[in-house]
Amino acid sequence: MSKRTYQPSKKKRATTHGFLVRSQTTSGAKILLARRRKGRAKLTVKKPQ
């Protein structure tokens, strides 16, 4: 039997969807801007401890 598709990893999640990654690209910066405009409590996922 094969594994389920979602195998969570906090490190992988942060390096793919984290604040630093988002702010490095133009499209990522646009995402952050849109989320700020909307008034999101969390802009991106938390960084791993």
N, C-alpha and C. Protein backbone atom coordinates (compact mmCIF):
# COMPACT_ATOMS: atom_id res chain seq x y z
N MET A 1 0.84 -1.19 0.00
CA MET A 1 0.00 0.00 0.00
C MET A 1 0.88 1.25 0.00
N SER A 2 0.52 2.23 -0.81
CA SER A 2 1.33 3.44 -0.90
C SER A 2 1.01 4.40 0.24
N LYS A 3 1.96 5.34 0.46
CA LYS A 3 1.79 6.32 1.53
C LYS A 3 0.76 7.37 1.12
N ARG A 4 0.24 8.08 2.10
CA ARG A 4 -0.67 9.20 1.83
C ARG A 4 0.14 10.34 1.20
N THR A 5 -0.52 11.24 0.50
CA THR A 5 0.19 12.29 -0.23
C THR A 5 0.81 13.35 0.66
N TYR A 6 0.16 13.69 1.76
CA TYR A 6 0.67 14.75 2.63
C TYR A 6 1.50 14.19 3.78
N GLN A 7 2.82 14.41 3.70
CA GLN A 7 3.75 14.00 4.75
C GLN A 7 4.32 15.27 5.36
N PRO A 8 3.71 15.80 6.43
CA PRO A 8 4.08 17.11 6.95
C PRO A 8 5.53 17.24 7.43
N SER A 9 6.13 18.37 7.14
CA SER A 9 7.46 18.72 7.63
C SER A 9 7.48 20.23 7.80
N LYS A 10 7.72 20.69 9.02
CA LYS A 10 7.72 22.13 9.31
C LYS A 10 8.82 22.86 8.54
N LYS A 11 9.97 22.21 8.39
CA LYS A 11 11.09 22.83 7.69
C LYS A 11 10.77 23.02 6.21
N LYS A 12 10.25 21.99 5.57
CA LYS A 12 9.88 22.04 4.16
C LYS A 12 8.80 23.11 3.93
N ARG A 13 7.82 23.14 4.84
CA ARG A 13 6.72 24.10 4.75
C ARG A 13 7.24 25.54 4.80
N ALA A 14 8.18 25.79 5.73
CA ALA A 14 8.74 27.14 5.88
C ALA A 14 9.63 27.54 4.71
N THR A 15 10.42 26.60 4.21
CA THR A 15 11.33 26.93 3.11
C THR A 15 10.59 27.10 1.78
N THR A 16 9.38 26.59 1.70
CA THR A 16 8.59 26.74 0.49
C THR A 16 7.62 27.91 0.58
N HIS A 17 6.98 28.07 1.74
CA HIS A 17 5.92 29.07 1.88
C HIS A 17 6.20 30.13 2.93
N GLY A 18 7.43 30.17 3.46
CA GLY A 18 7.77 31.09 4.54
C GLY A 18 7.87 32.54 4.11
N PHE A 19 7.98 33.42 5.09
CA PHE A 19 8.03 34.86 4.85
C PHE A 19 9.23 35.28 4.01
N LEU A 20 10.40 34.75 4.33
CA LEU A 20 11.62 35.12 3.61
C LEU A 20 11.55 34.74 2.14
N VAL A 21 10.99 33.58 1.85
CA VAL A 21 10.86 33.10 0.46
C VAL A 21 9.86 33.98 -0.29
N ARG A 22 8.74 34.29 0.37
CA ARG A 22 7.71 35.13 -0.25
C ARG A 22 8.26 36.52 -0.60
N SER A 23 9.00 37.11 0.34
CA SER A 23 9.47 38.47 0.14
C SER A 23 10.62 38.59 -0.87
N GLN A 24 11.23 37.48 -1.25
CA GLN A 24 12.34 37.52 -2.20
C GLN A 24 11.89 37.71 -3.65
N THR A 25 10.68 37.26 -3.98
CA THR A 25 10.22 37.34 -5.36
C THR A 25 9.16 38.43 -5.52
N THR A 26 9.00 38.90 -6.73
CA THR A 26 8.01 39.94 -7.02
C THR A 26 6.60 39.44 -6.78
N SER A 27 6.31 38.24 -7.27
CA SER A 27 4.98 37.67 -7.08
C SER A 27 4.71 37.36 -5.61
N GLY A 28 5.74 36.93 -4.89
CA GLY A 28 5.61 36.66 -3.47
C GLY A 28 5.31 37.92 -2.68
N ALA A 29 5.98 39.02 -3.07
CA ALA A 29 5.74 40.31 -2.42
C ALA A 29 4.31 40.79 -2.67
N LYS A 30 3.79 40.49 -3.86
CA LYS A 30 2.41 40.84 -4.19
C LYS A 30 1.43 40.07 -3.32
N ILE A 31 1.75 38.80 -3.05
CA ILE A 31 0.93 37.96 -2.18
C ILE A 31 0.88 38.57 -0.77
N LEU A 32 2.05 38.94 -0.25
CA LEU A 32 2.12 39.54 1.08
C LEU A 32 1.33 40.85 1.13
N LEU A 33 1.46 41.64 0.10
CA LEU A 33 0.74 42.91 0.01
C LEU A 33 -0.77 42.69 0.02
N ALA A 34 -1.22 41.72 -0.76
CA ALA A 34 -2.65 41.40 -0.83
C ALA A 34 -3.17 40.90 0.52
N ARG A 35 -2.36 40.10 1.20
CA ARG A 35 -2.77 39.57 2.50
C ARG A 35 -2.80 40.67 3.56
N ARG A 36 -1.86 41.61 3.48
CA ARG A 36 -1.87 42.76 4.40
C ARG A 36 -3.11 43.61 4.14
N ARG A 37 -3.40 43.84 2.87
CA ARG A 37 -4.56 44.66 2.47
C ARG A 37 -5.86 44.05 2.97
N LYS A 38 -5.93 42.73 2.91
CA LYS A 38 -7.13 42.02 3.34
C LYS A 38 -7.26 42.00 4.87
N GLY A 39 -6.10 42.20 5.55
CA GLY A 39 -6.12 42.24 7.00
C GLY A 39 -5.93 40.88 7.66
N ARG A 40 -5.16 40.03 7.00
CA ARG A 40 -4.90 38.70 7.54
C ARG A 40 -4.11 38.78 8.85
N ALA A 41 -4.47 37.93 9.80
CA ALA A 41 -3.74 37.86 11.06
C ALA A 41 -2.36 37.26 10.82
N LYS A 42 -2.30 36.22 9.97
CA LYS A 42 -1.02 35.59 9.62
C LYS A 42 -0.74 35.84 8.14
N LEU A 43 0.42 36.40 7.85
CA LEU A 43 0.79 36.63 6.45
C LEU A 43 1.31 35.36 5.80
N THR A 44 2.15 34.64 6.54
CA THR A 44 2.73 33.38 6.04
C THR A 44 2.77 32.37 7.17
N VAL A 45 3.25 31.17 6.86
CA VAL A 45 3.38 30.13 7.88
C VAL A 45 4.48 30.50 8.86
N LYS A 46 4.40 29.98 10.05
CA LYS A 46 5.43 30.26 11.06
C LYS A 46 6.75 29.59 10.69
N LYS A 47 7.86 30.23 11.04
CA LYS A 47 9.16 29.62 10.80
C LYS A 47 9.40 28.50 11.79
N PRO A 48 10.16 27.46 11.42
CA PRO A 48 10.39 26.35 12.35
C PRO A 48 11.25 26.78 13.53
N GLN A 49 11.03 26.18 14.68
CA GLN A 49 11.78 26.53 15.90
C GLN A 49 13.17 25.94 15.87
